[in-house]
Amino acid sequence: MEYSKFIVLDIIGSVPWILVYVGGGYFFGNIPIVKDNFSLVLIGVVLLSILPVLIPHMKKKTK
């Protein structure tokens, strides 16, 4: 693939990706229960991020 075509397609794909996630974060962050319990939401996000690493490690230990 030519570099110029790649850059154009990369920008075309990046703009909607950014808009969806920034917009989603904005609307999700304005939900009252999320606003009131933001620290719990952050802890949940961190735990969910660590889970894919922990699951194979735990499976390996149980064998």
Protein backbone atom coordinates (compact mmCIF):
# COMPACT_ATOMS: atom_id res chain seq x y z
CA MET A 1 0.00 0.00 0.00
CA GLU A 2 1.28 3.43 -0.85
CA TYR A 3 2.17 5.62 2.10
CA SER A 4 -0.08 8.49 0.96
CA LYS A 5 -3.08 6.15 0.70
CA PHE A 6 -2.26 4.70 4.12
CA ILE A 7 -2.16 8.17 5.73
CA VAL A 8 -5.52 9.14 4.21
CA LEU A 9 -7.16 5.91 5.36
CA ASP A 10 -5.53 6.22 8.77
CA ILE A 11 -6.96 9.71 9.25
CA ILE A 12 -10.38 8.63 7.97
CA GLY A 13 -10.39 5.77 10.48
CA SER A 14 -8.93 7.77 13.37
CA VAL A 15 -11.41 10.63 13.35
CA PRO A 16 -14.55 8.51 13.96
CA TRP A 17 -12.65 6.38 16.51
CA ILE A 18 -11.68 9.48 18.49
CA LEU A 19 -15.16 11.02 18.24
CA VAL A 20 -16.87 7.85 19.42
CA TYR A 21 -14.62 7.34 22.45
CA VAL A 22 -14.39 10.98 23.49
CA GLY A 23 -18.14 11.43 23.03
CA GLY A 24 -18.87 8.19 24.84
CA GLY A 25 -16.61 9.20 27.72
CA TYR A 26 -18.28 12.60 27.92
CA PHE A 27 -21.81 11.18 28.04
CA PHE A 28 -20.85 8.28 30.33
CA GLY A 29 -19.09 10.71 32.67
CA ASN A 30 -22.22 12.85 32.94
CA ILE A 31 -24.39 10.03 34.27
CA PRO A 32 -25.19 11.01 37.88
CA ILE A 33 -24.33 7.62 39.42
CA VAL A 34 -20.96 7.66 37.64
CA LYS A 35 -20.27 11.22 38.80
CA ASP A 36 -21.09 10.33 42.39
CA ASN A 37 -18.99 7.14 42.42
CA PHE A 38 -16.16 8.01 40.05
CA SER A 39 -13.46 6.45 42.22
CA LEU A 40 -15.32 3.12 42.11
CA VAL A 41 -15.61 3.40 38.34
CA LEU A 42 -11.85 3.98 38.07
CA ILE A 43 -11.12 0.98 40.29
CA GLY A 44 -13.43 -1.12 38.11
CA VAL A 45 -11.67 0.01 34.93
CA VAL A 46 -8.26 -0.82 36.40
CA LEU A 47 -9.43 -4.26 37.54
CA LEU A 48 -10.96 -5.00 34.15
CA SER A 49 -7.71 -3.95 32.48
CA ILE A 50 -5.64 -6.28 34.64
CA LEU A 51 -7.95 -9.28 34.21
CA PRO A 52 -6.64 -10.40 30.77
CA VAL A 53 -3.16 -10.68 32.28
CA LEU A 54 -4.25 -12.41 35.47
CA ILE A 55 -6.49 -15.09 33.94
CA PRO A 56 -3.75 -16.97 32.04
CA HIS A 57 -1.42 -16.60 35.03
CA MET A 58 -4.04 -18.09 37.36
CA LYS A 59 -4.79 -20.92 34.90
CA LYS A 60 -1.09 -21.72 34.71
CA LYS A 61 -0.78 -21.80 38.51
CA THR A 62 -3.76 -24.16 38.95
CA LYS A 63 -2.32 -26.76 36.57
